[in-house]
């Protein structure tokens, strides 16, 4: 199974509102979820490359500029934005 990040609070709310689990089962599931360590994740910034008249590229998220040789990176080297064109 591929790893993915989920919002534990939303999952616990969904389980709490479910008629599928008994009250005791809901409590056990909540305890298991709460004991799991959290991940240090942040939302992904989405951006694209802007090209100026001189052949330089800049990140649409932070404005960081560089020359054409570095253009094909998938993420901005300055802010980490994911480049989607």
PDB file of N, CA and C in Angstrom:
ATOM      1  N   UNK A   1       0.846  -1.182   0.000  1.00  0.00           N
ATOM      2  CA  UNK A   1       0.000   0.000   0.000  1.00  0.00           C
ATOM      3  C   UNK A   1       0.888   1.240   0.000  1.00  0.00           C
ATOM      4  N   UNK A   2       0.589   2.176  -0.865  1.00  0.00           N
ATOM      5  CA  UNK A   2       1.351   3.409  -0.965  1.00  0.00           C
ATOM      6  C   UNK A   2       1.035   4.327   0.213  1.00  0.00           C
ATOM      7  N   UNK A   3       2.046   4.977   0.724  1.00  0.00           N
ATOM      8  CA  UNK A   3       1.869   5.895   1.849  1.00  0.00           C
ATOM      9  C   UNK A   3       1.171   7.165   1.384  1.00  0.00           C
ATOM     10  N   UNK A   4       0.255   7.668   2.208  1.00  0.00           N
ATOM     11  CA  UNK A   4      -0.374   8.954   1.922  1.00  0.00           C
ATOM     12  C   UNK A   4      -0.696   9.643   3.239  1.00  0.00           C
ATOM     13  N   UNK A   5      -0.745  10.943   3.209  1.00  0.00           N
ATOM     14  CA  UNK A   5      -1.038  11.721   4.406  1.00  0.00           C
ATOM     15  C   UNK A   5      -2.526  12.022   4.446  1.00  0.00           C
ATOM     16  N   UNK A   6      -3.125  11.812   5.596  1.00  0.00           N
ATOM     17  CA  UNK A   6      -4.548  12.089   5.773  1.00  0.00           C
ATOM     18  C   UNK A   6      -4.733  13.004   6.976  1.00  0.00           C
ATOM     19  N   UNK A   7      -5.891  13.634   7.062  1.00  0.00           N
ATOM     20  CA  UNK A   7      -6.211  14.458   8.221  1.00  0.00           C
ATOM     21  C   UNK A   7      -6.882  13.577   9.252  1.00  0.00           C
ATOM     22  N   UNK A   8      -6.192  13.310  10.343  1.00  0.00           N
ATOM     23  CA  UNK A   8      -6.696  12.425  11.384  1.00  0.00           C
ATOM     24  C   UNK A   8      -7.995  12.947  11.990  1.00  0.00           C
ATOM     25  N   UNK A   9      -8.115  14.254  12.153  1.00  0.00           N
ATOM     26  CA  UNK A   9      -9.335  14.809  12.741  1.00  0.00           C
ATOM     27  C   UNK A   9     -10.556  14.528  11.861  1.00  0.00           C
ATOM     28  N   UNK A  10     -10.392  14.630  10.543  1.00  0.00           N
ATOM     29  CA  UNK A  10     -11.509  14.352   9.642  1.00  0.00           C
ATOM     30  C   UNK A  10     -11.866  12.870   9.636  1.00  0.00           C
ATOM     31  N   UNK A  11     -10.845  12.014   9.700  1.00  0.00           N
ATOM     32  CA  UNK A  11     -11.090  10.576   9.758  1.00  0.00           C
ATOM     33  C   UNK A  11     -11.837  10.212  11.043  1.00  0.00           C
ATOM     34  N   UNK A  12     -11.398  10.759  12.173  1.00  0.00           N
ATOM     35  CA  UNK A  12     -12.061  10.456  13.443  1.00  0.00           C
ATOM     36  C   UNK A  12     -13.499  10.952  13.443  1.00  0.00           C
ATOM     37  N   UNK A  13     -13.763  12.107  12.840  1.00  0.00           N
ATOM     38  CA  UNK A  13     -15.139  12.613  12.747  1.00  0.00           C
ATOM     39  C   UNK A  13     -16.006  11.696  11.892  1.00  0.00           C
ATOM     40  N   UNK A  14     -15.426  11.198  10.795  1.00  0.00           N
ATOM     41  CA  UNK A  14     -16.173  10.296   9.918  1.00  0.00           C
ATOM     42  C   UNK A  14     -16.507   8.994  10.641  1.00  0.00           C
ATOM     43  N   UNK A  15     -15.551   8.458  11.376  1.00  0.00           N
ATOM     44  CA  UNK A  15     -15.780   7.222  12.132  1.00  0.00           C
ATOM     45  C   UNK A  15     -16.814   7.454  13.237  1.00  0.00           C
ATOM     46  N   UNK A  16     -16.721   8.602  13.928  1.00  0.00           N
ATOM     47  CA  UNK A  16     -17.656   8.918  15.016  1.00  0.00           C
ATOM     48  C   UNK A  16     -19.095   8.989  14.508  1.00  0.00           C
ATOM     49  N   UNK A  17     -19.273   9.455  13.275  1.00  0.00           N
ATOM     50  CA  UNK A  17     -20.614   9.575  12.719  1.00  0.00           C
ATOM     51  C   UNK A  17     -21.105   8.324  12.015  1.00  0.00           C
ATOM     52  N   UNK A  18     -20.271   7.301  11.977  1.00  0.00           N
ATOM     53  CA  UNK A  18     -20.626   6.062  11.281  1.00  0.00           C
ATOM     54  C   UNK A  18     -21.498   5.156  12.145  1.00  0.00           C
ATOM     55  N   UNK A  19     -22.494   4.532  11.521  1.00  0.00           N
ATOM     56  CA  UNK A  19     -23.333   3.554  12.218  1.00  0.00           C
ATOM     57  C   UNK A  19     -22.720   2.157  12.130  1.00  0.00           C
ATOM     58  N   UNK A  20     -21.635   2.026  11.388  1.00  0.00           N
ATOM     59  CA  UNK A  20     -20.999   0.729  11.164  1.00  0.00           C
ATOM     60  C   UNK A  20     -20.269   0.223  12.403  1.00  0.00           C
ATOM     61  N   UNK A  21     -19.699   1.152  13.205  1.00  0.00           N
ATOM     62  CA  UNK A  21     -18.916   0.785  14.386  1.00  0.00           C
ATOM     63  C   UNK A  21     -19.717   0.997  15.662  1.00  0.00           C
ATOM     64  N   UNK A  22     -19.475   0.135  16.655  1.00  0.00           N
ATOM     65  CA  UNK A  22     -20.111   0.319  17.965  1.00  0.00           C
ATOM     66  C   UNK A  22     -19.372   1.443  18.700  1.00  0.00           C
ATOM     67  N   UNK A  23     -19.953   1.921  19.777  1.00  0.00           N
ATOM     68  CA  UNK A  23     -19.317   2.976  20.575  1.00  0.00           C
ATOM     69  C   UNK A  23     -17.966   2.513  21.102  1.00  0.00           C
ATOM     70  N   UNK A  24     -17.870   1.281  21.550  1.00  0.00           N
ATOM     71  CA  UNK A  24     -16.602   0.746  22.061  1.00  0.00           C
ATOM     72  C   UNK A  24     -15.548   0.688  20.955  1.00  0.00           C
ATOM     73  N   UNK A  25     -15.964   0.244  19.766  1.00  0.00           N
ATOM     74  CA  UNK A  25     -15.028   0.173  18.641  1.00  0.00           C
ATOM     75  C   UNK A  25     -14.547   1.559  18.232  1.00  0.00           C
ATOM     76  N   UNK A  26     -15.448   2.520  18.236  1.00  0.00           N
ATOM     77  CA  UNK A  26     -15.078   3.894  17.893  1.00  0.00           C
ATOM     78  C   UNK A  26     -14.035   4.428  18.858  1.00  0.00           C
ATOM     79  N   UNK A  27     -14.185   4.121  20.135  1.00  0.00           N
ATOM     80  CA  UNK A  27     -13.218   4.564  21.139  1.00  0.00           C
ATOM     81  C   UNK A  27     -11.853   3.939  20.928  1.00  0.00           C
ATOM     82  N   UNK A  28     -11.829   2.657  20.586  1.00  0.00           N
ATOM     83  CA  UNK A  28     -10.560   1.961  20.336  1.00  0.00           C
ATOM     84  C   UNK A  28      -9.865   2.510  19.091  1.00  0.00           C
ATOM     85  N   UNK A  29     -10.642   2.738  18.044  1.00  0.00           N
ATOM     86  CA  UNK A  29     -10.068   3.285  16.810  1.00  0.00           C
ATOM     87  C   UNK A  29      -9.493   4.674  17.067  1.00  0.00           C
ATOM     88  N   UNK A  30     -10.237   5.495  17.789  1.00  0.00           N
ATOM     89  CA  UNK A  30      -9.766   6.848  18.115  1.00  0.00           C
ATOM     90  C   UNK A  30      -8.459   6.797  18.901  1.00  0.00           C
ATOM     91  N   UNK A  31      -8.364   5.878  19.854  1.00  0.00           N
ATOM     92  CA  UNK A  31      -7.146   5.741  20.664  1.00  0.00           C
ATOM     93  C   UNK A  31      -5.957   5.351  19.802  1.00  0.00           C
ATOM     94  N   UNK A  32      -6.164   4.441  18.860  1.00  0.00           N
ATOM     95  CA  UNK A  32      -5.078   4.020  17.968  1.00  0.00           C
ATOM     96  C   UNK A  32      -4.610   5.191  17.108  1.00  0.00           C
ATOM     97  N   UNK A  33      -5.559   5.926  16.541  1.00  0.00           N
ATOM     98  CA  UNK A  33      -5.216   7.069  15.685  1.00  0.00           C
ATOM     99  C   UNK A  33      -4.462   8.134  16.478  1.00  0.00           C
ATOM    100  N   UNK A  34      -4.929   8.426  17.690  1.00  0.00           N
ATOM    101  CA  UNK A  34      -4.290   9.470  18.502  1.00  0.00           C
ATOM    102  C   UNK A  34      -2.872   9.096  18.933  1.00  0.00           C
ATOM    103  N   UNK A  35      -2.567   7.797  19.043  1.00  0.00           N
ATOM    104  CA  UNK A  35      -1.225   7.365  19.454  1.00  0.00           C
ATOM    105  C   UNK A  35      -0.208   7.436  18.320  1.00  0.00           C
ATOM    106  N   UNK A  36      -0.670   7.495  17.080  1.00  0.00           N
ATOM    107  CA  UNK A  36       0.253   7.530  15.946  1.00  0.00           C
ATOM    108  C   UNK A  36       0.988   8.870  15.903  1.00  0.00           C
ATOM    109  N   UNK A  37       2.292   8.845  15.612  1.00  0.00           N
ATOM    110  CA  UNK A  37       3.030  10.101  15.519  1.00  0.00           C
ATOM    111  C   UNK A  37       2.600  10.892  14.287  1.00  0.00           C
ATOM    112  N   UNK A  38       2.658  12.177  14.386  1.00  0.00           N
ATOM    113  CA  UNK A  38       2.314  13.039  13.260  1.00  0.00           C
ATOM    114  C   UNK A  38       3.491  13.207  12.311  1.00  0.00           C
ATOM    115  N   UNK A  39       3.209  13.581  11.100  1.00  0.00           N
ATOM    116  CA  UNK A  39       4.228  13.864  10.100  1.00  0.00           C
ATOM    117  C   UNK A  39       4.397  15.372   9.978  1.00  0.00           C
ATOM    118  N   UNK A  40       5.577  15.784   9.601  1.00  0.00           N
ATOM    119  CA  UNK A  40       5.847  17.202   9.373  1.00  0.00           C
ATOM    120  C   UNK A  40       5.613  17.491   7.894  1.00  0.00           C
ATOM    121  N   UNK A  41       4.384  17.820   7.559  1.00  0.00           N
ATOM    122  CA  UNK A  41       4.026  18.080   6.166  1.00  0.00           C
ATOM    123  C   UNK A  41       3.468  19.485   6.037  1.00  0.00           C
ATOM    124  N   UNK A  42       3.550  20.024   4.836  1.00  0.00           N
ATOM    125  CA  UNK A  42       2.973  21.329   4.571  1.00  0.00           C
ATOM    126  C   UNK A  42       2.256  21.265   3.234  1.00  0.00           C
ATOM    127  N   UNK A  43       1.302  22.143   3.015  1.00  0.00           N
ATOM    128  CA  UNK A  43       0.595  22.150   1.736  1.00  0.00           C
ATOM    129  C   UNK A  43       1.555  22.416   0.577  1.00  0.00           C
ATOM    130  N   UNK A  44       1.256  21.848  -0.567  1.00  0.00           N
ATOM    131  CA  UNK A  44       2.090  22.034  -1.756  1.00  0.00           C
ATOM    132  C   UNK A  44       1.691  23.322  -2.452  1.00  0.00           C
ATOM    133  N   UNK A  45       2.676  24.180  -2.728  1.00  0.00           N
ATOM    134  CA  UNK A  45       2.429  25.386  -3.516  1.00  0.00           C
ATOM    135  C   UNK A  45       2.539  25.000  -4.987  1.00  0.00           C
ATOM    136  N   UNK A  46       1.592  25.413  -5.794  1.00  0.00           N
ATOM    137  CA  UNK A  46       1.603  25.125  -7.228  1.00  0.00           C
ATOM    138  C   UNK A  46       1.953  26.410  -7.967  1.00  0.00           C
ATOM    139  N   UNK A  47       2.866  26.294  -8.927  1.00  0.00           N
ATOM    140  CA  UNK A  47       3.324  27.468  -9.661  1.00  0.00           C
ATOM    141  C   UNK A  47       3.683  27.066 -11.085  1.00  0.00           C
ATOM    142  N   UNK A  48       4.208  28.023 -11.839  1.00  0.00           N
ATOM    143  CA  UNK A  48       4.696  27.763 -13.193  1.00  0.00           C
ATOM    144  C   UNK A  48       5.863  28.702 -13.477  1.00  0.00           C
ATOM    145  N   UNK A  49       6.573  28.396 -14.540  1.00  0.00           N
ATOM    146  CA  UNK A  49       7.713  29.222 -14.932  1.00  0.00           C
ATOM    147  C   UNK A  49       7.238  30.369 -15.809  1.00  0.00           C
ATOM    148  N   UNK A  50       7.727  31.559 -15.539  1.00  0.00           N
ATOM    149  CA  UNK A  50       7.490  32.725 -16.390  1.00  0.00           C
ATOM    150  C   UNK A  50       8.795  33.036 -17.099  1.00  0.00           C
ATOM    151  N   UNK A  51       8.751  33.229 -18.424  1.00  0.00           N
ATOM    152  CA  UNK A  51       9.951  33.576 -19.178  1.00  0.00           C
ATOM    153  C   UNK A  51       9.895  35.042 -19.552  1.00  0.00           C
ATOM    154  N   UNK A  52      11.017  35.754 -19.340  1.00  0.00           N
ATOM    155  CA  UNK A  52      11.064  37.151 -19.740  1.00  0.00           C
ATOM    156  C   UNK A  52      11.683  37.284 -21.131  1.00  0.00           C
ATOM    157  N   UNK A  53      11.795  38.496 -21.635  1.00  0.00           N
ATOM    158  CA  UNK A  53      12.306  38.754 -22.983  1.00  0.00           C
ATOM    159  C   UNK A  53      13.774  38.393 -23.153  1.00  0.00           C
ATOM    160  N   UNK A  54      14.501  38.209 -22.064  1.00  0.00           N
ATOM    161  CA  UNK A  54      15.937  37.932 -22.130  1.00  0.00           C
ATOM    162  C   UNK A  54      16.256  36.445 -21.945  1.00  0.00           C
ATOM    163  N   UNK A  55      15.243  35.599 -21.871  1.00  0.00           N
ATOM    164  CA  UNK A  55      15.458  34.168 -21.728  1.00  0.00           C
ATOM    165  C   UNK A  55      15.645  33.712 -20.295  1.00  0.00           C
ATOM    166  N   UNK A  56      15.356  34.581 -19.342  1.00  0.00           N
ATOM    167  CA  UNK A  56      15.428  34.196 -17.943  1.00  0.00           C
ATOM    168  C   UNK A  56      14.053  33.713 -17.496  1.00  0.00           C
ATOM    169  N   UNK A  57      14.052  32.804 -16.544  1.00  0.00           N
ATOM    170  CA  UNK A  57      12.812  32.242 -16.025  1.00  0.00           C
ATOM    171  C   UNK A  57      12.634  32.640 -14.565  1.00  0.00           C
ATOM    172  N   UNK A  58      11.387  32.803 -14.168  1.00  0.00           N
ATOM    173  CA  UNK A  58      11.116  33.121 -12.767  1.00  0.00           C
ATOM    174  C   UNK A  58       9.926  32.297 -12.282  1.00  0.00           C
ATOM    175  N   UNK A  59       9.943  32.035 -11.011  1.00  0.00           N
ATOM    176  CA  UNK A  59       8.871  31.279 -10.360  1.00  0.00           C
ATOM    177  C   UNK A  59       7.662  32.189 -10.177  1.00  0.00           C
ATOM    178  N   UNK A  60       6.482  31.708 -10.571  1.00  0.00           N
ATOM    179  CA  UNK A  60       5.273  32.521 -10.411  1.00  0.00           C
ATOM    180  C   UNK A  60       4.843  32.628  -8.950  1.00  0.00           C
ATOM    181  N   UNK A  61       5.420  31.792  -8.080  1.00  0.00           N
ATOM    182  CA  UNK A  61       5.060  31.833  -6.662  1.00  0.00           C
ATOM    183  C   UNK A  61       5.910  32.837  -5.888  1.00  0.00           C
ATOM    184  N   UNK A  62       7.239  32.782  -6.075  1.00  0.00           N
ATOM    185  CA  UNK A  62       8.118  33.634  -5.266  1.00  0.00           C
ATOM    186  C   UNK A  62       8.927  34.640  -6.083  1.00  0.00           C
ATOM    187  N   UNK A  63       8.959  34.480  -7.404  1.00  0.00           N
ATOM    188  CA  UNK A  63       9.684  35.421  -8.249  1.00  0.00           C
ATOM    189  C   UNK A  63      11.170  35.129  -8.408  1.00  0.00           C
ATOM    190  N   UNK A  64      11.655  34.045  -7.816  1.00  0.00           N
ATOM    191  CA  UNK A  64      13.073  33.691  -7.923  1.00  0.00           C
ATOM    192  C   UNK A  64      13.446  33.530  -9.391  1.00  0.00           C
ATOM    193  N   UNK A  65      14.580  34.138  -9.822  1.00  0.00           N
ATOM    194  CA  UNK A  65      14.983  34.116 -11.223  1.00  0.00           C
ATOM    195  C   UNK A  65      16.251  33.310 -11.435  1.00  0.00           C
ATOM    196  N   UNK A  66      16.337  32.662 -12.599  1.00  0.00           N
ATOM    197  CA  UNK A  66      17.530  31.918 -12.993  1.00  0.00           C
ATOM    198  C   UNK A  66      17.565  31.832 -14.511  1.00  0.00           C
ATOM    199  N   UNK A  67      18.699  31.321 -15.041  1.00  0.00           N
ATOM    200  CA  UNK A  67      18.834  31.274 -16.496  1.00  0.00           C
ATOM    201  C   UNK A  67      18.236  30.001 -17.086  1.00  0.00           C
ATOM    202  N   UNK A  68      18.218  29.945 -18.396  1.00  0.00           N
ATOM    203  CA  UNK A  68      17.555  28.857 -19.123  1.00  0.00           C
ATOM    204  C   UNK A  68      18.109  27.477 -18.796  1.00  0.00           C
ATOM    205  N   UNK A  69      19.375  27.369 -18.455  1.00  0.00           N
ATOM    206  CA  UNK A  69      19.990  26.067 -18.188  1.00  0.00           C
ATOM    207  C   UNK A  69      19.315  25.342 -17.030  1.00  0.00           C
ATOM    208  N   UNK A  70      18.765  26.066 -16.100  1.00  0.00           N
ATOM    209  CA  UNK A  70      18.132  25.453 -14.928  1.00  0.00           C
ATOM    210  C   UNK A  70      16.612  25.362 -15.054  1.00  0.00           C
ATOM    211  N   UNK A  71      16.079  25.700 -16.206  1.00  0.00           N
ATOM    212  CA  UNK A  71      14.644  25.826 -16.394  1.00  0.00           C
ATOM    213  C   UNK A  71      13.836  24.565 -16.115  1.00  0.00           C
ATOM    214  N   UNK A  72      14.317  23.400 -16.464  1.00  0.00           N
ATOM    215  CA  UNK A  72      13.501  22.196 -16.424  1.00  0.00           C
ATOM    216  C   UNK A  72      13.355  21.539 -15.051  1.00  0.00           C
ATOM    217  N   UNK A  73      13.662  22.218 -13.986  1.00  0.00           N
ATOM    218  CA  UNK A  73      13.444  21.629 -12.665  1.00  0.00           C
ATOM    219  C   UNK A  73      11.942  21.519 -12.406  1.00  0.00           C
ATOM    220  N   UNK A  74      11.546  20.500 -11.652  1.00  0.00           N
ATOM    221  CA  UNK A  74      10.130  20.269 -11.365  1.00  0.00           C
ATOM    222  C   UNK A  74       9.646  21.059 -10.160  1.00  0.00           C
ATOM    223  N   UNK A  75      10.611  21.588  -9.387  1.00  0.00           N
ATOM    224  CA  UNK A  75      10.289  22.379  -8.200  1.00  0.00           C
ATOM    225  C   UNK A  75      11.159  23.624  -8.190  1.00  0.00           C
ATOM    226  N   UNK A  76      10.643  24.725  -7.674  1.00  0.00           N
ATOM    227  CA  UNK A  76      11.435  25.945  -7.550  1.00  0.00           C
ATOM    228  C   UNK A  76      12.550  25.711  -6.536  1.00  0.00           C
ATOM    229  N   UNK A  77      13.799  26.028  -6.886  1.00  0.00           N
ATOM    230  CA  UNK A  77      14.893  25.830  -5.954  1.00  0.00           C
ATOM    231  C   UNK A  77      14.843  26.777  -4.747  1.00  0.00           C
ATOM    232  N   UNK A  78      14.073  27.838  -4.840  1.00  0.00           N
ATOM    233  CA  UNK A  78      13.996  28.812  -3.752  1.00  0.00           C
ATOM    234  C   UNK A  78      12.857  28.508  -2.764  1.00  0.00           C
ATOM    235  N   UNK A  79      11.622  28.366  -3.277  1.00  0.00           N
ATOM    236  CA  UNK A  79      10.463  28.202  -2.392  1.00  0.00           C
ATOM    237  C   UNK A  79       9.900  26.781  -2.365  1.00  0.00           C
ATOM    238  N   UNK A  80      10.344  25.930  -3.288  1.00  0.00           N
ATOM    239  CA  UNK A  80       9.876  24.547  -3.318  1.00  0.00           C
ATOM    240  C   UNK A  80       8.540  24.335  -4.017  1.00  0.00           C
ATOM    241  N   UNK A  81       8.004  25.366  -4.660  1.00  0.00           N
ATOM    242  CA  UNK A  81       6.721  25.216  -5.345  1.00  0.00           C
ATOM    243  C   UNK A  81       6.823  24.158  -6.441  1.00  0.00           C
ATOM    244  N   UNK A  82       5.758  23.379  -6.614  1.00  0.00           N
ATOM    245  CA  UNK A  82       5.705  22.361  -7.653  1.00  0.00           C
ATOM    246  C   UNK A  82       5.325  23.042  -8.955  1.00  0.00           C
ATOM    247  N   UNK A  83       6.172  22.880  -9.962  1.00  0.00           N
ATOM    248  CA  UNK A  83       5.941  23.537 -11.237  1.00  0.00           C
ATOM    249  C   UNK A  83       5.015  22.716 -12.114  1.00  0.00           C
ATOM    250  N   UNK A  84       3.880  23.303 -12.435  1.00  0.00           N
ATOM    251  CA  UNK A  84       2.877  22.651 -13.267  1.00  0.00           C
ATOM    252  C   UNK A  84       2.521  23.605 -14.408  1.00  0.00           C
ATOM    253  N   UNK A  85       2.860  23.188 -15.612  1.00  0.00           N
ATOM    254  CA  UNK A  85       2.619  24.068 -16.757  1.00  0.00           C
ATOM    255  C   UNK A  85       1.488  23.564 -17.602  1.00  0.00           C
TER     256      UNK A  85
END
